[in-house]
Every structure is written in C-alpha cells, then in structure tokens.
C-alpha atoms as a PDB file:
ATOM      1  CA  MET A   1       0.000   0.000   0.000  1.00  0.00           C
ATOM      2  CA  ALA A   2       1.541   3.304  -1.119  1.00  0.00           C
ATOM      3  CA  VAL A   3       0.710   6.193   1.188  1.00  0.00           C
ATOM      4  CA  THR A   4       0.600   9.757  -0.111  1.00  0.00           C
ATOM      5  CA  LEU A   5       0.393  13.019   1.828  1.00  0.00           C
ATOM      6  CA  ARG A   6      -2.063  15.146  -0.141  1.00  0.00           C
ATOM      7  CA  LEU A   7      -4.889  17.667   0.075  1.00  0.00           C
ATOM      8  CA  ARG A   8      -8.527  16.754   0.620  1.00  0.00           C
ATOM      9  CA  ARG A   9     -11.074  19.403  -0.337  1.00  0.00           C
ATOM     10  CA  VAL A  10     -13.832  20.237   2.146  1.00  0.00           C
ATOM     11  CA  GLY A  11     -16.033  23.285   2.592  1.00  0.00           C
ATOM     12  CA  LYS A  12     -18.919  24.889   0.772  1.00  0.00           C
ATOM     13  CA  LYS A  13     -19.257  25.589  -2.907  1.00  0.00           C
ATOM     14  CA  LYS A  14     -16.781  28.272  -4.024  1.00  0.00           C
ATOM     15  CA  GLN A  15     -15.313  28.345  -0.497  1.00  0.00           C
ATOM     16  CA  PRO A  16     -12.709  25.580  -0.480  1.00  0.00           C
ATOM     17  CA  TYR A  17     -10.944  24.557   2.684  1.00  0.00           C
ATOM     18  CA  TYR A  18      -8.356  21.796   2.545  1.00  0.00           C
ATOM     19  CA  ARG A  19      -7.224  19.085   4.925  1.00  0.00           C
ATOM     20  CA  ILE A  20      -3.758  17.637   4.640  1.00  0.00           C
ATOM     21  CA  VAL A  21      -4.199  13.887   4.949  1.00  0.00           C
ATOM     22  CA  ALA A  22      -2.267  10.643   4.676  1.00  0.00           C
ATOM     23  CA  ALA A  23      -4.183   8.513   2.184  1.00  0.00           C
ATOM     24  CA  ASP A  24      -3.746   5.348   0.175  1.00  0.00           C
ATOM     25  CA  SER A  25      -2.672   6.479  -3.281  1.00  0.00           C
ATOM     26  CA  ARG A  26      -5.351   4.282  -4.897  1.00  0.00           C
ATOM     27  CA  MET A  27      -8.222   6.103  -3.160  1.00  0.00           C
ATOM     28  CA  PRO A  28     -10.013   9.025  -4.851  1.00  0.00           C
ATOM     29  CA  THR A  29      -9.078  12.579  -3.850  1.00  0.00           C
ATOM     30  CA  ASP A  30     -12.129  13.058  -1.624  1.00  0.00           C
ATOM     31  CA  GLY A  31     -12.289   9.409  -0.599  1.00  0.00           C
ATOM     32  CA  ARG A  32     -11.124   7.487   2.415  1.00  0.00           C
ATOM     33  CA  PHE A  33      -7.948   8.539   4.212  1.00  0.00           C
ATOM     34  CA  LEU A  34      -5.764   7.093   6.948  1.00  0.00           C
ATOM     35  CA  GLU A  35      -5.093  10.137   9.121  1.00  0.00           C
ATOM     36  CA  ASN A  36      -5.813  13.863   9.221  1.00  0.00           C
ATOM     37  CA  LEU A  37      -2.482  15.707   9.522  1.00  0.00           C
ATOM     38  CA  GLY A  38      -3.536  19.339   9.360  1.00  0.00           C
ATOM     39  CA  THR A  39      -5.461  22.039   7.535  1.00  0.00           C
ATOM     40  CA  TYR A  40      -4.806  24.588   4.782  1.00  0.00           C
ATOM     41  CA  ASN A  41      -7.073  27.616   4.411  1.00  0.00           C
ATOM     42  CA  THR A  42      -6.590  29.732   1.273  1.00  0.00           C
ATOM     43  CA  HIS A  43      -9.182  32.370   2.213  1.00  0.00           C
ATOM     44  CA  THR A  44      -7.007  34.117   4.761  1.00  0.00           C
ATOM     45  CA  ASP A  45      -4.190  36.458   3.783  1.00  0.00           C
ATOM     46  CA  PRO A  46      -1.614  34.941   4.069  1.00  0.00           C
ATOM     47  CA  ALA A  47      -2.937  31.385   3.758  1.00  0.00           C
ATOM     48  CA  THR A  48      -3.240  29.583   7.100  1.00  0.00           C
ATOM     49  CA  VAL A  49      -1.497  26.243   7.577  1.00  0.00           C
ATOM     50  CA  VAL A  50      -1.913  24.148  10.731  1.00  0.00           C
ATOM     51  CA  LEU A  51       0.126  20.920  10.881  1.00  0.00           C
ATOM     52  CA  LYS A  52       0.845  18.069  13.248  1.00  0.00           C
ATOM     53  CA  ASP A  53       4.608  18.180  12.601  1.00  0.00           C
ATOM     54  CA  GLU A  54       5.463  15.007  14.507  1.00  0.00           C
ATOM     55  CA  ARG A  55       2.889  12.941  12.629  1.00  0.00           C
ATOM     56  CA  VAL A  56       4.032  14.293   9.244  1.00  0.00           C
ATOM     57  CA  ARG A  57       7.639  13.378  10.086  1.00  0.00           C
ATOM     58  CA  GLU A  58       6.524   9.915  11.159  1.00  0.00           C
ATOM     59  CA  TRP A  59       4.681   9.285   7.873  1.00  0.00           C
ATOM     60  CA  LEU A  60       7.696  10.524   5.898  1.00  0.00           C
ATOM     61  CA  SER A  61      10.011   8.222   7.856  1.00  0.00           C
ATOM     62  CA  LYS A  62       7.728   5.307   6.958  1.00  0.00           C
ATOM     63  CA  GLY A  63       8.200   6.111   3.265  1.00  0.00           C
ATOM     64  CA  ALA A  64       5.103   8.148   2.430  1.00  0.00           C
ATOM     65  CA  GLU A  65       5.229  10.197  -0.753  1.00  0.00           C
ATOM     66  CA  ILE A  66       4.262  13.870  -0.877  1.00  0.00           C
ATOM     67  CA  SER A  67       2.092  15.470  -3.541  1.00  0.00           C
ATOM     68  CA  ASP A  68       3.552  18.503  -5.314  1.00  0.00           C
ATOM     69  CA  THR A  69       1.093  20.909  -3.689  1.00  0.00           C
ATOM     70  CA  VAL A  70       1.709  19.642  -0.163  1.00  0.00           C
ATOM     71  CA  ARG A  71       5.475  19.726  -0.788  1.00  0.00           C
ATOM     72  CA  SER A  72       5.260  23.409  -1.767  1.00  0.00           C
ATOM     73  CA  ILE A  73       3.116  24.187   1.300  1.00  0.00           C
ATOM     74  CA  LEU A  74       5.634  22.465   3.585  1.00  0.00           C
ATOM     75  CA  ARG A  75       8.553  24.223   1.883  1.00  0.00           C
ATOM     76  CA  ARG A  76       6.945  27.665   2.308  1.00  0.00           C
ATOM     77  CA  ARG A  77       6.351  26.878   5.966  1.00  0.00           C
ATOM     78  CA  GLY A  78      10.018  25.921   6.484  1.00  0.00           C
ATOM     79  CA  PHE A  79       9.253  22.308   7.373  1.00  0.00           C
ATOM     80  CA  PHE A  80      12.312  20.819   5.606  1.00  0.00           C
ATOM     81  CA  LYS A  81      14.794  23.234   7.219  1.00  0.00           C
ATOM     82  CA  LYS A  82      14.149  21.814  10.681  1.00  0.00           C
END
C-alpha cells in the first residue's frame, strides 16, 4: 500500500478549505484517508497552515510520498529546514 500526503477538499461551494491527509494512493481525492495531519485555508491572507509536525515526520520516515502541492506548502512553511 503506497501512502501519499495530499490535500482533501472540504467546505462549501466556491469556499474551499483543505485538509492535509495521509491517504492510500489508490483512493479518490475526496475518498477514504488514513489520518488527518492538518489544515490549509486559502481564504485568509496569508494562507493559514496548521500541521501536526510530529505525525508528518513519522509518515515521511515510513516512506510516504508527498504530492507537489503539499510539498510546496511544507517548503513555504520551512518544514524541511528543521
């Protein structure tokens, strides 16, 4: 089972709010997921990111892949510099 850290869209129509989740790569984007790792809100200026850093590091140590969007969010937040 390949695990991917990716975004899951929630919220109302035309008001997206995203959850950063660990999900099986075979599941659909808004389908089942293994664990909720944080949130990403694009409606605030600047965009708000809330993460469970320890859990993200644990999934990465287990070999989870990161989607391009989540990688850019983590990079902007300075996650990889720690």
